[in-house]
Protein backbone atom coordinates (compact mmCIF):
# COMPACT_ATOMS: atom_id res chain seq x y z
CA MET A 1 143.50 103.01 138.72
CA SER A 2 144.31 101.45 135.34
CA LYS A 3 142.12 101.39 132.33
CA LYS A 4 142.26 97.76 132.60
CA LEU A 5 140.87 97.29 135.98
CA TRP A 6 138.20 99.59 135.41
CA LEU A 7 137.00 97.25 132.59
CA VAL A 8 137.17 94.32 134.75
CA MET A 9 135.05 95.88 137.37
CA ILE A 10 132.61 97.09 134.74
CA LEU A 11 132.31 93.50 133.41
CA MET A 12 132.03 92.02 137.02
CA LEU A 13 128.89 94.29 137.32
CA ILE A 14 127.26 93.64 133.80
CA ILE A 15 127.66 89.78 133.53
CA PRO A 16 125.90 88.63 136.43
CA GLY A 17 122.89 90.59 135.24
CA LEU A 18 123.27 89.13 131.77
CA ALA A 19 123.37 85.66 133.35
CA GLN A 20 120.43 85.70 135.22
CA ALA A 21 118.62 87.54 132.24
CA GLU A 22 119.32 84.23 130.46
CA ASN A 23 117.73 82.06 132.87
CA ILE A 24 114.10 83.77 132.75
CA LYS A 25 111.37 81.67 131.84
CA VAL A 26 107.43 82.84 130.84
CA ASN A 27 105.28 79.72 130.56
CA ASN A 28 108.18 77.54 130.78
CA LYS A 29 109.86 78.93 127.70
CA GLU A 30 113.06 80.76 127.95
CA ILE A 31 113.56 84.49 126.99
CA GLU A 32 116.70 85.92 125.96
CA GLN A 33 118.00 89.37 127.03
CA GLY A 34 115.91 92.20 125.20
CA GLY A 35 113.39 89.38 123.97
CA SER A 36 109.64 89.57 123.54
CA VAL A 37 106.91 86.93 123.38
CA ASN A 38 103.19 87.60 122.46
CA LEU A 39 100.61 85.56 124.53
CA PHE A 40 96.71 85.11 124.13
CA PHE A 41 94.36 83.99 126.57
CA ASP A 42 94.64 80.44 125.23
CA ASP A 43 98.17 80.19 126.00
CA LEU A 44 97.50 80.81 129.65
CA GLU A 45 96.94 78.18 132.61
CA ALA A 46 93.96 79.23 134.81
CA GLY A 47 94.07 82.75 133.12
CA LYS A 48 97.75 83.46 134.58
CA ILE A 49 101.35 83.84 133.05
CA ASP A 50 103.88 82.00 134.95
CA PHE A 51 107.17 83.69 135.28
CA GLY A 52 110.14 81.63 136.55
CA VAL A 53 113.94 82.66 137.16
CA LYS A 54 117.07 80.15 137.91
CA ALA A 55 117.36 79.80 141.82
CA GLY A 56 120.87 79.08 141.63
CA ASP A 57 122.44 80.32 145.49
CA TYR A 58 119.62 82.83 145.96
CA LYS A 59 117.49 83.00 148.96
CA SER A 60 114.76 84.80 147.43
CA VAL A 61 113.49 86.86 144.43
CA GLU A 62 110.96 89.42 144.00
CA VAL A 63 109.29 90.59 140.93
CA SER A 64 107.81 93.94 140.00
CA PHE A 65 105.64 94.49 136.86
CA ASP A 66 104.92 98.13 137.59
CA LYS A 67 108.71 99.77 137.21
CA GLY A 68 109.58 98.81 140.60
CA ARG A 69 106.73 100.56 142.47
CA THR A 70 105.49 97.15 144.21
CA TRP A 71 107.19 94.07 144.74
CA GLU A 72 105.90 90.61 144.93
CA ASN A 73 107.72 87.45 146.39
CA MET A 74 107.98 84.44 144.04
CA ASP A 75 107.85 81.01 145.48
CA ARG A 76 110.62 78.54 145.32
CA ASP A 77 109.88 75.47 143.12
CA GLY A 78 112.94 72.98 142.53
CA GLU A 79 115.63 74.87 140.52
CA TYR A 80 113.38 78.11 139.85
CA PHE A 81 111.48 80.65 141.64
CA VAL A 82 108.08 81.22 140.14
CA TYR A 83 105.19 83.69 140.27
CA SER A 84 101.93 83.50 138.59
CA TYR A 85 100.51 86.84 137.14
CA ARG A 86 97.04 87.47 135.99
CA PRO A 87 97.09 90.06 133.02
CA LEU A 88 94.44 92.54 132.08
CA SER A 89 92.72 92.05 128.60
CA GLU A 90 95.52 93.81 126.90
CA GLU A 91 98.70 94.65 128.82
CA LYS A 92 102.51 95.06 127.87
CA ILE A 93 104.38 93.57 130.98
CA ILE A 94 107.98 94.44 131.46
CA PRO A 95 109.23 92.77 134.31
CA GLU A 96 112.17 93.67 137.07
CA PHE A 97 113.81 91.18 139.34
CA ILE A 98 115.40 91.72 142.91
CA TYR A 99 117.57 88.94 143.89
CA THR A 100 118.64 88.18 147.61
CA SER A 101 121.90 86.25 148.06
CA GLN A 102 122.35 84.06 151.01
CA SER A 103 124.63 86.53 152.60
CA GLY A 104 121.96 89.18 152.31
CA LYS A 105 123.27 90.79 149.12
CA ILE A 106 120.67 92.51 147.33
CA GLU A 107 120.81 92.78 143.29
CA THR A 108 118.36 94.20 140.98
CA ILE A 109 118.08 92.78 137.66
CA SER A 110 116.10 94.74 134.45
CA PRO A 111 116.45 91.98 131.79
CA ASN A 112 114.48 94.34 129.22
CA ILE A 113 112.23 91.59 128.27
CA THR A 114 108.65 92.43 127.07
CA VAL A 115 105.49 90.32 127.29
CA LEU A 116 102.56 91.71 125.12
CA TYR A 117 99.45 90.12 126.19
CA ARG A 118 95.92 90.12 124.26
CA LYS A 119 92.88 88.35 125.25
CA ASP A 120 91.99 87.42 121.47
CA LYS A 121 94.53 86.17 119.12
CA PRO A 122 95.04 88.65 116.10
CA GLU A 123 93.25 86.46 113.56
CA GLU A 124 90.37 86.62 115.53
CA GLY A 125 90.66 90.36 116.31
CA ILE A 126 91.31 91.24 112.42
CA ARG A 127 88.01 89.10 111.88
CA GLN A 128 85.83 90.93 114.32
CA ALA A 129 86.91 94.12 113.00
CA LEU A 130 85.67 93.28 109.65
CA GLU A 131 82.46 92.10 110.80
CA ILE A 132 82.07 95.36 112.58
CA LEU A 133 83.11 97.14 109.25
CA LYS A 134 80.35 95.10 107.32
CA THR A 135 77.55 95.85 110.08
CA HIS A 136 78.18 99.60 110.11
CA TYR A 137 78.44 99.97 106.26
CA GLU A 138 75.20 98.03 105.86
CA ASN A 139 73.67 100.22 108.63
CA GLU A 140 74.61 103.10 106.86
CA ASP A 141 76.31 104.35 110.43
CA VAL A 142 78.92 106.62 108.98
CA ASP A 143 80.33 107.74 112.22
CA ARG A 144 80.55 104.35 113.73
CA PHE A 145 82.16 103.32 110.38
CA VAL A 146 84.82 106.13 110.22
CA ASN A 147 85.57 105.34 113.95
CA LEU A 148 87.12 101.89 112.82
CA PHE A 149 89.93 103.78 110.81
CA SER A 150 93.20 105.02 112.43
CA SER A 151 93.71 108.75 112.59
CA ILE A 152 96.60 108.37 110.42
CA TYR A 153 94.40 107.07 107.76
CA PRO A 154 95.03 109.72 104.76
CA ASP A 155 92.73 112.21 104.14
CA LEU A 156 90.25 111.10 106.69
CA ILE A 157 87.85 114.06 106.38
CA LYS A 158 87.30 113.59 102.61
CA PHE A 159 87.15 110.04 103.11
CA LYS A 160 83.95 110.26 105.49
CA GLU A 161 82.47 112.61 102.79
CA SER A 162 82.58 109.99 100.45
CA ILE A 163 81.10 107.46 102.75
CA GLN A 164 78.44 109.89 103.33
CA ASN A 165 77.89 110.05 99.72
CA ASP A 166 77.53 106.27 99.40
CA PHE A 167 74.73 106.37 102.20
CA TYR A 168 73.03 109.21 100.35
CA ASN A 169 73.00 107.34 96.71
CA TYR A 170 72.57 103.80 97.97
CA LYS A 171 70.30 101.83 100.35
CA ASN A 172 69.56 98.35 101.36
CA ILE A 173 73.24 97.80 101.00
CA ARG A 174 74.54 94.24 101.37
CA LEU A 175 78.49 93.19 101.86
CA PHE A 176 80.03 89.84 101.35
CA TYR A 177 83.84 89.36 101.70
CA ARG A 178 86.36 86.40 101.76
CA ILE A 179 89.88 86.86 103.54
CA ASP A 180 92.57 85.54 100.78
CA ARG A 181 95.90 86.57 103.17
CA MET A 182 96.45 87.58 106.74
CA ASP A 183 100.23 88.67 107.70
CA PHE A 184 101.44 90.05 110.97
CA ASN A 185 104.42 92.20 111.70
CA ASP A 186 107.07 90.46 114.37
CA ASP A 187 105.20 92.10 117.37
CA ILE A 188 101.83 91.70 116.11
CA ASN A 189 100.93 95.20 116.15
CA GLY A 190 100.15 95.49 112.54
CA ALA A 191 98.60 93.18 109.81
CA ILE A 192 98.54 93.40 105.94
CA VAL A 193 95.12 91.69 105.00
CA ASP A 194 94.11 90.92 101.14
CA VAL A 195 90.36 90.92 101.45
CA TYR A 196 87.66 90.27 98.23
CA TRP A 197 84.52 92.33 98.82
CA GLN A 198 81.24 92.26 97.17
CA ARG A 199 78.69 94.90 97.57
CA LYS A 200 74.94 94.64 96.54
CA PHE A 201 72.63 97.58 96.74
CA GLU A 202 69.86 99.75 95.44
CA ASP A 203 69.30 103.36 94.57
CA ARG A 204 67.22 105.73 96.56
CA ASP A 205 64.16 104.65 94.07
CA GLY A 206 64.59 101.20 94.96
CA ASN A 207 66.15 100.09 91.45
CA ALA A 208 68.76 97.25 92.11
CA LEU A 209 72.07 98.15 90.56
CA THR A 210 75.09 96.18 89.41
CA ASP A 211 77.28 94.43 91.79
CA THR A 212 80.49 96.23 92.76
CA THR A 213 83.64 93.88 93.53
CA ALA A 214 86.90 95.19 94.77
CA ASN A 215 90.15 93.21 95.88
CA ILE A 216 91.31 95.33 98.57
CA THR A 217 94.47 95.20 100.46
CA MET A 218 93.72 96.54 103.98
CA LYS A 219 96.45 97.80 106.70
CA PHE A 220 95.54 97.27 110.08
CA ASP A 221 97.10 98.65 113.34
CA ASN A 222 96.89 97.41 116.69
CA GLU A 223 96.17 100.90 118.88
CA ASN A 224 95.41 100.64 122.46
CA GLY A 225 94.20 96.98 122.00
CA LYS A 226 92.11 97.77 119.06
CA TRP A 227 92.52 97.05 115.28
CA LEU A 228 92.09 100.15 113.25
CA ILE A 229 92.53 100.58 109.44
CA SER A 230 95.19 102.59 108.49
CA GLY A 231 95.53 101.93 104.82
CA LEU A 232 93.28 100.72 101.95
CA ARG A 233 94.93 100.05 98.59
CA GLY A 234 92.89 99.24 95.60
CA ASN A 235 89.85 100.54 96.90
CA THR A 236 87.39 101.08 94.52
CA LEU A 237 84.42 100.36 96.98
CA PHE A 238 84.01 102.25 100.00
CA GLY A 239 83.40 105.77 99.09
CA SER A 240 83.13 104.87 95.68
CA SER A 241 80.64 107.56 94.74
CA LEU A 242 83.48 110.19 95.22
CA LEU A 243 86.71 108.41 95.42
CA SER A 244 86.35 106.97 92.03
CA SER A 245 84.95 109.14 88.63
CA VAL A 246 82.43 108.73 86.25
CA ASP A 247 82.28 110.67 83.01
CA LEU A 248 79.42 110.26 80.61
CA GLU A 249 79.62 111.17 76.96
CA VAL A 250 77.66 111.59 73.99
CA GLN A 251 78.36 112.76 70.36
CA ALA A 252 76.63 113.53 67.07
CA ALA A 253 77.92 110.30 65.91
CA ASP A 254 76.43 108.31 68.73
CA ILE A 255 72.75 109.37 67.69
CA ASN A 256 71.40 106.27 65.58
CA ILE A 257 68.38 107.04 63.60
CA THR A 258 66.58 104.36 61.82
CA ASP A 259 63.68 105.14 58.97
CA GLY A 260 60.40 103.63 59.11
CA GLY A 261 60.29 103.67 55.41
CA GLY A 262 57.44 103.95 52.61
CA GLY A 263 56.95 107.57 53.10
CA SER A 264 55.53 107.27 56.44
CA GLY A 265 57.48 110.10 58.23
CA ALA A 266 58.35 107.73 61.02
CA VAL A 267 61.80 107.13 62.48
CA THR A 268 63.20 105.41 65.76
CA VAL A 269 66.20 107.14 67.37
CA SER A 270 68.53 105.88 69.79
CA ALA A 271 71.73 106.83 71.47
CA THR A 272 75.13 105.38 72.40
CA VAL A 273 76.19 106.75 75.68
CA HIS A 274 80.20 106.17 76.76
CA ASN A 275 81.49 106.43 80.20
CA THR A 276 85.11 107.24 79.94
CA GLY A 277 85.53 107.10 83.68
CA SER A 278 87.08 104.86 86.23
CA SER A 279 83.55 103.93 87.87
CA ASN A 280 80.30 102.56 86.95
CA ALA A 281 77.30 104.71 86.23
CA THR A 282 73.90 103.64 86.91
CA ASN A 283 70.62 104.55 86.14
CA VAL A 284 71.66 106.91 83.37
CA LYS A 285 68.79 109.05 82.28
CA VAL A 286 68.78 110.24 78.70
CA ASN A 287 66.42 112.64 77.25
CA PHE A 288 65.39 112.75 73.55
CA TYR A 289 64.34 116.12 71.75
CA GLN A 290 63.08 117.05 68.45
CA SER A 291 62.97 120.57 66.55
CA GLY A 292 61.37 121.77 63.36
CA VAL A 293 63.27 124.93 63.36
CA ALA A 294 66.98 124.75 63.53
CA LEU A 295 69.71 122.64 65.11
CA ALA A 296 69.98 125.24 67.84
CA GLY A 297 66.34 124.56 68.81
CA PRO A 298 64.11 125.53 70.45
CA TYR A 299 63.44 121.70 71.28
CA THR A 300 60.48 120.01 72.32
CA LEU A 301 60.85 116.60 74.62
CA ILE A 302 60.02 113.41 72.84
CA ASP A 303 60.37 111.05 75.54
CA SER A 304 62.91 109.82 77.95
CA LYS A 305 64.74 106.45 78.69
CA THR A 306 66.82 105.32 81.67
CA ILE A 307 69.77 102.70 81.02
CA THR A 308 70.45 100.63 83.91
CA SER A 309 74.10 100.86 83.84
CA VAL A 310 77.05 101.94 81.86
CA PRO A 311 80.12 100.21 83.11
CA ALA A 312 83.48 102.30 83.45
CA GLY A 313 85.40 102.43 80.06
CA SER A 314 82.49 101.13 77.92
CA GLN A 315 79.45 102.14 76.03
CA THR A 316 75.98 101.58 76.03
CA THR A 317 72.95 102.09 73.65
CA SER A 318 69.61 103.40 75.22
CA ALA A 319 66.36 101.89 74.32
CA THR A 320 64.72 103.22 71.14
CA VAL A 321 62.14 106.30 70.79
CA ASN A 322 59.67 106.40 68.03
CA PHE A 323 58.89 109.82 66.23
CA ALA A 324 56.71 110.44 63.35
CA SER A 325 55.88 113.84 61.57
CA THR A 326 55.77 115.38 57.75
CA PRO A 327 57.36 112.95 55.38
CA ALA A 328 60.63 114.44 53.59
CA PHE A 329 60.58 117.25 56.32
CA ILE A 330 63.98 118.06 57.68
CA TRP A 331 64.15 117.53 61.70
CA TYR A 332 66.64 118.16 64.45
CA PHE A 333 67.47 115.54 66.96
CA LYS A 334 69.11 116.48 70.46
CA ILE A 335 69.92 113.96 73.01
CA VAL A 336 70.87 114.92 76.44
CA VAL A 337 72.50 112.48 78.99
CA ASP A 338 71.86 112.70 82.63
CA PRO A 339 69.63 116.04 82.12
CA ASP A 340 69.13 116.61 85.80
CA SER A 341 72.69 116.30 86.87
CA VAL A 342 72.17 113.80 89.51
CA ILE A 343 75.02 111.78 88.57
CA THR A 344 78.66 113.35 89.72
CA GLU A 345 81.21 113.76 86.70
CA THR A 346 84.37 114.86 85.99
CA ASP A 347 83.33 116.83 82.85
CA GLU A 348 79.59 117.90 82.69
CA THR A 349 79.97 119.55 79.24
CA ASN A 350 80.01 116.43 76.96
CA ASN A 351 76.42 115.19 77.72
CA THR A 352 74.75 116.77 74.76
CA ALA A 353 74.52 116.04 71.06
CA SER A 354 72.30 116.85 68.15
CA THR A 355 72.09 115.84 64.58
CA THR A 356 69.92 116.78 61.50
CA HIS A 357 67.75 114.26 59.56
CA THR A 358 65.14 114.42 56.77
CA LEU A 359 62.07 112.20 57.37
CA PRO A 360 61.47 109.52 54.76
């Protein structure tokens, strides 16, 4: 048999199948060979998806939704054979068809079309996921919070530790958010969402802390019908107590001493505390010490003050401390920032500074 004849026979087998694939409708919309359609509950009639195939000269048509294990007869309705299918809450439907001609010839068609059905529209699914995220974070439920993240989220174990650290350091957490953008990929199995977040919270002593805000780009993937977070870009909020850094610093030049004058031997002492890290520091304790012996001490505690907040990349001056002693006497003053080491820092060696001063 010639190659030309073989080609003609192959085309005779292929072309009828292609022709039938082009005459398939889903909810009265024609679907091309290899095409796909996304449907949601609001798109259905009486909770069903309507499939239709052009009747042509065929006597009957059957349809299967389980790869040919079971078949259902389609009903003739004018120029089409139709069948109404009731989907599950989440389902990927790939129909196949058996055509029976008037002469009894049977032809199986697999048009390679896909219907992706989800009960909720994707926008609503993302909003629900964000609400659940908000609830679990405010309730300090670390396991349920982390379960909202995909297994492919980078370094998920360390991220869980950072969330646990949030819940250790903060209480009475309140979250507020605004969705600025929501884009889905073609098959609606993935989404990129820009969300503006605001967090209000207190420390474990009940002190109100500075609000935290962040513009976070969140990547969502639909895994088995559930929207899970697979990426966070610009995240300086969730797990911020470990994921971002604090570095408090004080130097001798930051110790500010003001004389009382009049030979009183009185001075006021304050300190400028720097935060060279990328995260705000809150409730920063500063201890003030004095020594009449030497710059190396030993030192006696004069007083302790707390700075409410030292924002990232800035400096804040503590409240003043009063000290009075023998006039014209040389005294040594030492400042220690975060003396109890309750704040995790990238560098713990730059929190102490000393200076010498002669009382008036």
